[in-house]
Amino acid sequence: MLLALPQPDVLIDIVDDLGFGQRDPNIDGLAASGTQFSNHRARAFCTASRYQLITGQIEERWAHVGGLNQGDDTRLLALPTTKATLAEQFQAAGYETRLCGKWHLGDPLYAADATPLDHGFEHAKWEPYPHGGSPAPLYQYEDRTIVHVQPTNGGSAGDIAYRRSLNAWTQACVDDAIANRDPLRPLFLWVGRPGVHAKVEPELPMLPGETKMDAYVRQTGTYMAVTAALMPGAFKLIVSDNGAPISTGETFNDPLRGEKGQSWDGGIRVLAGISGPGIPQQEIHDPVAIQDFYPTLLELSGIPLPAGHPLDGESLVPLINGTRARGVEFFFYDALIQWPYKFKSDAVYDLAADPSETTPIVNATLKAAMKKRLADLKKVYIHEAP
């Protein structure tokens, strides 16, 4: 039986845009070293998934008029300080809290209270990673201070070199955070790897049959394995934030339909695995969601849930222990899952029998009920204050 242990280290390692069909031995090995969730769903965009992970709430509680990143200028968005973040809960429990790499929950040049330090992190080497404006400068921060400015994101030679450096820069930040951690306190470390998202693959040596993107995924997996080895005994969550963007001929999300930015499973069904003391090595096929890891990590660490902070995630500890299944309803603004059925685009799919979402089922009663339920949920969140 899995028991909460007193203040273990915690590592959250987020792979950016890693598609369901993209494989790497190190990443797969990390996921399989504990409990792997083969039926896990995030959201279709970077900011939305990060919001759900750090708050345990669905994104519609923050940006409820179409979904984060759907046409939003995310430079102007900042995670509200009224939200009880995961970092704040660990900090209040005595953890040293650090963030490395991609943040994508606010940019202090455009919005107040937008840095990781405003949301529970004590130290951060980070990039806002905003969308909006063309061309727009790219910044790197150390805590609240800008330490590097990349003038444009318009494809210049300097910009390409900068993007090619992001994966290595993030790992250097991780190495520094672990080397300089407070030895008297447990560490909560959030790593946002800009890797696969960057879309400008570095000139890495390629193995036979590899593409440049394959080599980039392999580099990301190597860095993740190094990080995991530097934090033995920690609870480790590895997760992708959304599916891969695709173009003609690419198979990053196979066999799933769709891509990043869509609520077809190719955009939302992604890697997730958690390992650590007492966590069994197993693969769980029950459906789970990225917001579930907020209460899960708190329960594993013996930290109470925050009062007055409504959660949409459910702790997966009972599921890991085999004592209770998670609820089966998941809301994606323009789609609804009531496992194994999914309502999207005015059709119902049986995800268990048809994971590629190719053939709608014919069940008028089920379709009408799910359509109404989705409409009712949208009304609730559209009228909820941020």
Protein backbone atom coordinates (compact mmCIF):
# COMPACT_ATOMS: atom_id res chain seq x y z
CA MET A 1 0.00 0.00 0.00
CA LEU A 2 1.34 3.43 -1.02
CA LEU A 3 1.77 5.71 1.99
CA ALA A 4 2.52 9.40 2.27
CA LEU A 5 6.13 9.92 3.32
CA PRO A 6 7.54 12.89 5.25
CA GLN A 7 8.69 15.59 2.87
CA PRO A 8 10.28 13.82 -0.09
CA ASP A 9 11.72 15.94 -2.90
CA VAL A 10 9.32 16.54 -5.79
CA LEU A 11 10.24 16.91 -9.46
CA ILE A 12 7.78 17.99 -12.15
CA ASP A 13 9.31 17.66 -15.61
CA ILE A 14 7.12 18.98 -18.44
CA VAL A 15 7.99 18.06 -22.02
CA ASP A 16 6.71 20.63 -24.49
CA ASP A 17 4.58 19.41 -27.41
CA LEU A 18 5.62 15.76 -27.20
CA GLY A 19 3.16 13.88 -29.37
CA PHE A 20 1.57 10.54 -28.51
CA GLY A 21 3.54 8.79 -31.25
CA GLN A 22 6.94 10.27 -30.44
CA ARG A 23 9.15 7.75 -28.66
CA ASP A 24 12.41 7.98 -26.75
CA PRO A 25 13.96 5.22 -24.61
CA ASN A 26 14.83 7.56 -21.74
CA ILE A 27 11.42 9.24 -21.62
CA ASP A 28 9.61 5.94 -21.99
CA GLY A 29 11.84 4.42 -19.30
CA LEU A 30 11.13 7.22 -16.86
CA ALA A 31 7.38 6.87 -17.43
CA ALA A 32 7.57 3.09 -16.98
CA SER A 33 9.75 3.25 -13.85
CA GLY A 34 6.66 3.89 -11.73
CA THR A 35 2.99 4.21 -12.61
CA GLN A 36 2.42 5.14 -16.23
CA PHE A 37 -0.95 6.59 -17.24
CA SER A 38 -1.58 5.47 -20.81
CA ASN A 39 -4.97 7.19 -20.98
CA HIS A 40 -3.96 10.65 -19.74
CA ARG A 41 -5.22 13.90 -21.23
CA ALA A 42 -3.95 17.44 -20.88
CA ARG A 43 -5.27 20.45 -22.78
CA ALA A 44 -4.56 21.40 -26.36
CA PHE A 45 -2.25 24.34 -25.59
CA CYS A 46 0.80 25.05 -23.45
CA THR A 47 -0.59 27.73 -21.13
CA ALA A 48 -3.85 25.88 -20.51
CA SER A 49 -2.14 22.66 -19.45
CA ARG A 50 0.28 24.49 -17.19
CA TYR A 51 -2.60 26.32 -15.56
CA GLN A 52 -4.44 23.08 -14.89
CA LEU A 53 -1.36 21.41 -13.43
CA ILE A 54 -0.34 24.28 -11.15
CA THR A 55 -3.91 25.00 -9.89
CA GLY A 56 -5.72 21.67 -10.15
CA GLN A 57 -8.51 23.51 -11.98
CA ILE A 58 -9.73 23.35 -15.56
CA GLU A 59 -8.64 26.28 -17.66
CA GLU A 60 -12.17 27.64 -18.00
CA ARG A 61 -11.97 28.86 -14.40
CA TRP A 62 -9.39 31.37 -15.64
CA ALA A 63 -10.01 32.08 -19.33
CA HIS A 64 -13.46 30.79 -20.03
CA VAL A 65 -14.35 32.33 -23.39
CA GLY A 66 -12.86 29.88 -25.84
CA GLY A 67 -9.85 28.49 -24.09
CA LEU A 68 -6.36 29.77 -23.43
CA ASN A 69 -4.19 30.41 -26.51
CA GLN A 70 -7.15 30.31 -28.87
CA GLY A 71 -6.44 33.68 -30.39
CA ASP A 72 -5.37 35.19 -27.07
CA ASP A 73 -2.38 37.48 -26.81
CA THR A 74 -0.88 35.57 -23.88
CA ARG A 75 1.53 38.40 -23.13
CA LEU A 76 -1.45 40.11 -21.51
CA LEU A 77 -2.43 37.14 -19.35
CA ALA A 78 -0.99 36.40 -15.94
CA LEU A 79 -1.93 33.65 -13.54
CA PRO A 80 -4.24 35.31 -10.96
CA THR A 81 -2.69 35.65 -7.52
CA THR A 82 -6.00 34.46 -6.06
CA LYS A 83 -5.20 30.94 -7.25
CA ALA A 84 -3.64 28.61 -4.69
CA THR A 85 -0.78 27.19 -6.73
CA LEU A 86 0.98 23.90 -6.21
CA ALA A 87 4.24 25.75 -5.56
CA GLU A 88 2.60 27.80 -2.79
CA GLN A 89 1.37 24.65 -1.06
CA PHE A 90 4.82 23.08 -1.08
CA GLN A 91 6.47 26.33 0.02
CA ALA A 92 4.07 26.60 2.97
CA ALA A 93 4.99 23.02 3.92
CA GLY A 94 8.67 23.95 4.19
CA TYR A 95 9.92 23.10 0.72
CA GLU A 96 12.42 25.14 -1.23
CA THR A 97 10.61 25.91 -4.51
CA ARG A 98 12.47 26.42 -7.78
CA LEU A 99 11.49 26.73 -11.43
CA CYS A 100 13.67 26.24 -14.50
CA GLY A 101 12.86 26.87 -18.17
CA LYS A 102 9.53 27.65 -19.74
CA TRP A 103 6.92 29.39 -17.55
CA HIS A 104 4.19 30.55 -19.97
CA LEU A 105 1.85 31.74 -17.22
CA GLY A 106 2.64 35.42 -17.41
CA ASP A 107 5.10 38.04 -18.64
CA PRO A 108 5.97 40.90 -16.25
CA LEU A 109 6.57 43.28 -19.16
CA TYR A 110 2.88 43.13 -19.98
CA ALA A 111 1.03 42.13 -16.81
CA ALA A 112 1.36 42.56 -13.05
CA ASP A 113 2.17 39.68 -10.70
CA ALA A 114 3.32 37.61 -13.66
CA THR A 115 6.58 36.01 -12.53
CA PRO A 116 7.01 32.59 -10.92
CA LEU A 117 8.06 34.41 -7.74
CA ASP A 118 4.55 35.86 -7.52
CA HIS A 119 3.11 32.34 -7.38
CA GLY A 120 5.12 30.41 -4.83
CA PHE A 121 8.55 29.94 -6.37
CA GLU A 122 11.50 31.25 -4.38
CA HIS A 123 14.03 31.02 -7.22
CA ALA A 124 13.54 30.85 -10.97
CA LYS A 125 15.62 30.90 -14.14
CA TRP A 126 12.93 31.14 -16.72
CA GLU A 127 11.48 32.38 -19.96
CA PRO A 128 7.94 33.81 -20.21
CA TYR A 129 7.44 32.22 -23.65
CA PRO A 130 4.60 34.58 -24.62
CA HIS A 131 2.59 34.57 -27.83
CA GLY A 132 1.44 37.77 -29.49
CA GLY A 133 3.02 40.54 -31.47
CA SER A 134 5.31 40.06 -34.47
CA PRO A 135 8.17 40.35 -34.14
CA ALA A 136 8.35 40.24 -30.33
CA PRO A 137 11.45 40.11 -28.13
CA LEU A 138 12.22 36.93 -26.23
CA TYR A 139 13.51 37.25 -22.69
CA GLN A 140 15.28 35.14 -20.13
CA TYR A 141 14.95 36.01 -16.45
CA GLU A 142 16.76 35.15 -13.28
CA ASP A 143 14.15 35.65 -10.58
CA ARG A 144 12.81 39.14 -11.45
CA THR A 145 15.79 40.37 -13.49
CA ILE A 146 16.14 40.12 -17.26
CA VAL A 147 19.48 38.50 -18.03
CA HIS A 148 19.13 38.02 -21.79
CA VAL A 149 17.12 39.66 -24.57
CA GLN A 150 16.69 38.09 -28.00
CA PRO A 151 15.51 40.99 -30.17
CA THR A 152 13.12 39.23 -32.57
CA ASN A 153 11.26 36.01 -33.12
CA GLY A 154 11.19 36.50 -36.85
CA GLY A 155 13.55 33.75 -37.95
CA SER A 156 16.84 35.64 -37.97
CA ALA A 157 20.11 33.76 -37.65
CA GLY A 158 20.44 35.01 -34.08
CA ASP A 159 16.94 33.86 -33.24
CA ILE A 160 17.59 30.40 -34.68
CA ALA A 161 20.77 30.08 -32.64
CA TYR A 162 18.89 31.21 -29.52
CA ARG A 163 16.11 28.68 -29.98
CA ARG A 164 18.65 25.95 -30.62
CA SER A 165 20.23 26.75 -27.27
CA LEU A 166 17.03 26.54 -25.20
CA ASN A 167 17.16 22.86 -24.35
CA ALA A 168 20.75 23.02 -23.15
CA TRP A 169 20.09 26.31 -21.32
CA THR A 170 17.18 24.76 -19.44
CA GLN A 171 19.29 21.80 -18.36
CA ALA A 172 22.07 24.12 -17.20
CA CYS A 173 19.47 25.92 -15.06
CA VAL A 174 18.35 22.56 -13.63
CA ASP A 175 21.91 21.53 -12.82
CA ASP A 176 22.48 24.85 -11.08
CA ALA A 177 19.21 24.62 -9.11
CA ILE A 178 20.03 21.16 -7.78
CA ALA A 179 23.68 21.98 -7.06
CA ASN A 180 22.72 25.10 -5.11
CA ARG A 181 19.64 23.80 -3.32
CA ASP A 182 19.17 24.35 0.37
CA PRO A 183 20.53 21.13 1.93
CA LEU A 184 18.29 21.53 4.97
CA ARG A 185 14.99 21.63 3.08
CA PRO A 186 13.21 19.31 0.65
CA LEU A 187 13.15 20.58 -2.92
CA PHE A 188 10.14 21.19 -5.15
CA LEU A 189 11.50 21.61 -8.69
CA TRP A 190 9.33 22.53 -11.70
CA VAL A 191 11.07 22.10 -15.07
CA GLY A 192 9.51 23.41 -18.27
CA ARG A 193 11.51 22.03 -21.18
CA PRO A 194 11.06 24.20 -24.28
CA GLY A 195 12.57 21.37 -26.31
CA VAL A 196 10.23 19.87 -28.84
CA HIS A 197 8.14 23.04 -29.06
CA ALA A 198 11.00 25.13 -30.43
CA LYS A 199 10.51 23.86 -34.00
CA VAL A 200 14.10 24.74 -34.84
CA GLU A 201 15.97 21.53 -34.27
CA PRO A 202 19.63 21.88 -33.32
CA GLU A 203 22.30 20.31 -35.46
CA LEU A 204 22.60 17.18 -33.35
CA PRO A 205 24.23 13.94 -34.45
CA MET A 206 21.46 11.71 -35.80
CA LEU A 207 21.25 7.97 -35.38
CA PRO A 208 20.37 5.82 -38.41
CA GLY A 209 16.79 6.46 -39.40
CA GLU A 210 16.41 9.55 -37.20
CA THR A 211 15.14 12.95 -38.27
CA LYS A 212 16.39 16.15 -36.67
CA MET A 213 13.25 16.22 -34.53
CA ASP A 214 13.92 12.65 -33.42
CA ALA A 215 17.38 13.71 -32.32
CA TYR A 216 15.94 16.67 -30.44
CA VAL A 217 13.47 14.41 -28.61
CA ARG A 218 16.36 12.09 -27.77
CA GLN A 219 18.36 15.04 -26.38
CA THR A 220 15.37 16.04 -24.26
CA GLY A 221 15.05 12.50 -22.95
CA THR A 222 18.74 12.40 -22.07
CA TYR A 223 18.43 15.63 -20.07
CA MET A 224 15.33 14.30 -18.29
CA ALA A 225 17.14 11.11 -17.31
CA VAL A 226 20.10 13.13 -15.97
CA THR A 227 17.72 15.26 -13.89
CA ALA A 228 15.91 12.24 -12.49
CA ALA A 229 19.23 10.70 -11.46
CA LEU A 230 20.18 13.89 -9.63
CA MET A 231 17.04 13.62 -7.46
CA PRO A 232 17.02 10.04 -6.13
CA GLY A 233 14.19 9.31 -3.76
CA ALA A 234 12.01 12.09 -5.14
CA PHE A 235 8.47 11.82 -6.37
CA LYS A 236 8.87 12.47 -10.10
CA LEU A 237 6.10 13.47 -12.48
CA ILE A 238 6.87 13.54 -16.19
CA VAL A 239 4.18 14.82 -18.50
CA SER A 240 3.69 16.37 -21.94
CA ASP A 241 1.61 19.51 -22.08
CA ASN A 242 -0.22 18.76 -25.34
CA GLY A 243 0.07 16.89 -28.60
CA ALA A 244 2.51 17.78 -31.32
CA PRO A 245 1.79 20.27 -34.10
CA ILE A 246 1.89 18.38 -37.36
CA SER A 247 2.12 19.05 -41.06
CA THR A 248 1.81 16.84 -44.11
CA GLY A 249 3.53 13.50 -43.69
CA GLU A 250 4.41 13.79 -39.98
CA THR A 251 3.25 11.09 -37.59
CA PHE A 252 4.01 12.63 -34.21
CA ASN A 253 0.56 11.84 -32.77
CA ASP A 254 -0.18 8.53 -34.51
CA PRO A 255 -2.48 6.67 -34.25
CA LEU A 256 -4.54 9.50 -32.79
CA ARG A 257 -6.54 12.03 -34.76
CA GLY A 258 -5.66 15.72 -34.65
CA GLU A 259 -2.84 17.84 -33.29
CA LYS A 260 -1.91 20.60 -30.88
CA GLY A 261 -4.67 23.18 -30.69
CA GLN A 262 -7.46 20.64 -31.17
CA SER A 263 -9.48 18.63 -28.68
CA TRP A 264 -9.24 15.53 -30.83
CA ASP A 265 -7.13 13.08 -28.86
CA GLY A 266 -4.04 13.86 -30.96
CA GLY A 267 -4.05 17.28 -29.31
CA ILE A 268 -4.73 16.22 -25.72
CA ARG A 269 -3.86 12.56 -25.07
CA VAL A 270 -0.21 12.64 -24.03
CA LEU A 271 2.52 11.10 -21.92
CA ALA A 272 2.24 11.01 -18.12
CA GLY A 273 3.98 8.95 -15.48
CA ILE A 274 4.74 9.26 -11.78
CA SER A 275 7.43 7.44 -9.82
CA GLY A 276 8.95 7.60 -6.38
CA PRO A 277 9.01 5.90 -3.00
CA GLY A 278 6.42 3.15 -2.77
CA ILE A 279 4.85 3.81 -6.16
CA PRO A 280 4.35 0.49 -7.97
CA GLN A 281 5.63 -0.18 -11.46
CA GLN A 282 2.43 -0.55 -13.45
CA GLU A 283 0.48 0.81 -16.38
CA ILE A 284 -2.96 2.23 -15.66
CA HIS A 285 -5.45 2.42 -18.50
CA ASP A 286 -8.16 4.31 -16.65
CA PRO A 287 -8.71 7.86 -17.96
CA VAL A 288 -6.99 10.62 -15.96
CA ALA A 289 -6.30 14.31 -16.52
CA ILE A 290 -3.41 16.70 -15.92
CA GLN A 291 -5.26 18.57 -13.14
CA ASP A 292 -5.33 15.32 -11.15
CA PHE A 293 -1.63 15.61 -10.37
CA TYR A 294 -2.19 18.66 -8.13
CA PRO A 295 -4.06 16.75 -5.39
CA THR A 296 -2.04 13.60 -6.11
CA LEU A 297 1.33 15.20 -5.38
CA LEU A 298 -0.02 16.90 -2.28
CA GLU A 299 -1.43 13.65 -0.92
CA LEU A 300 1.77 11.74 -1.66
CA SER A 301 3.74 14.41 0.20
CA GLY A 302 1.40 14.55 3.19
CA ILE A 303 0.32 18.14 2.49
CA PRO A 304 -3.34 19.12 2.99
CA LEU A 305 -5.43 20.58 0.21
CA PRO A 306 -5.82 24.37 0.38
CA ALA A 307 -9.04 25.66 1.90
CA GLY A 308 -11.35 27.68 -0.31
CA HIS A 309 -9.69 26.59 -3.56
CA PRO A 310 -12.09 24.50 -5.66
CA LEU A 311 -10.46 21.60 -7.46
CA ASP A 312 -11.43 19.86 -10.67
CA GLY A 313 -8.67 17.29 -10.32
CA GLU A 314 -8.97 14.14 -8.23
CA SER A 315 -6.14 12.50 -6.31
CA LEU A 316 -4.88 9.44 -8.16
CA VAL A 317 -3.45 7.82 -5.03
CA PRO A 318 -6.48 5.52 -4.63
CA LEU A 319 -6.20 4.59 -8.31
CA ILE A 320 -2.48 3.87 -7.94
CA ASN A 321 -3.25 1.74 -4.88
CA GLY A 322 -6.02 -0.08 -6.71
CA THR A 323 -8.66 0.90 -4.17
CA ARG A 324 -10.83 3.30 -6.16
CA ALA A 325 -11.19 4.49 -9.75
CA ARG A 326 -11.27 8.12 -10.82
CA GLY A 327 -14.46 9.74 -12.05
CA VAL A 328 -14.97 9.42 -15.79
CA GLU A 329 -16.16 12.87 -16.93
CA PHE A 330 -13.76 15.35 -18.53
CA PHE A 331 -14.71 18.78 -19.95
CA PHE A 332 -12.65 20.29 -22.80
CA TYR A 333 -14.78 23.35 -23.64
CA ASP A 334 -15.71 22.12 -27.13
CA ALA A 335 -15.64 18.43 -26.24
CA LEU A 336 -16.88 16.20 -23.43
CA ILE A 337 -15.66 12.79 -22.36
CA GLN A 338 -17.84 10.46 -20.32
CA TRP A 339 -15.62 7.46 -20.62
CA PRO A 340 -15.53 5.64 -22.97
CA TYR A 341 -17.63 8.09 -24.99
CA LYS A 342 -16.52 11.43 -26.36
CA PHE A 343 -18.81 14.11 -27.79
CA LYS A 344 -17.16 16.47 -30.26
CA SER A 345 -18.23 18.24 -33.44
CA ASP A 346 -21.82 17.06 -32.98
CA ALA A 347 -20.81 13.40 -32.97
CA VAL A 348 -20.11 10.70 -30.38
CA TYR A 349 -17.07 8.43 -30.51
CA ASP A 350 -16.29 5.29 -28.51
CA LEU A 351 -12.68 5.92 -27.48
CA ALA A 352 -12.18 2.40 -26.14
CA ALA A 353 -13.19 0.78 -29.42
CA ASP A 354 -12.07 3.61 -31.74
CA PRO A 355 -9.10 5.51 -30.20
CA SER A 356 -8.40 7.19 -33.55
CA GLU A 357 -11.88 8.80 -33.53
CA THR A 358 -12.62 7.77 -37.08
CA THR A 359 -16.23 6.56 -36.93
CA PRO A 360 -19.03 8.19 -34.92
CA ILE A 361 -21.39 5.81 -33.19
CA VAL A 362 -25.12 5.94 -33.83
CA ASN A 363 -26.92 6.53 -30.54
CA ALA A 364 -29.29 9.48 -30.67
CA THR A 365 -30.17 9.33 -26.97
CA LEU A 366 -26.54 9.35 -25.82
CA LYS A 367 -25.66 12.09 -28.30
CA ALA A 368 -28.47 14.34 -27.09
CA ALA A 369 -27.58 13.79 -23.43
CA MET A 370 -23.88 14.52 -23.94
CA LYS A 371 -24.61 17.56 -26.10
CA LYS A 372 -26.83 18.98 -23.38
CA ARG A 373 -24.30 18.24 -20.66
CA LEU A 374 -21.55 20.02 -22.61
CA ALA A 375 -23.80 23.05 -23.15
CA ASP A 376 -24.66 23.13 -19.45
CA LEU A 377 -20.99 22.99 -18.42
CA LYS A 378 -20.10 25.80 -20.80
CA LYS A 379 -22.82 27.97 -19.25
CA VAL A 380 -21.42 27.36 -15.78
CA TYR A 381 -17.86 28.32 -16.63
CA ILE A 382 -18.65 31.14 -19.03
CA HIS A 383 -20.38 32.95 -16.18
CA GLU A 384 -17.85 32.11 -13.47
CA ALA A 385 -15.63 34.97 -12.38
CA PRO A 386 -11.92 34.44 -13.07
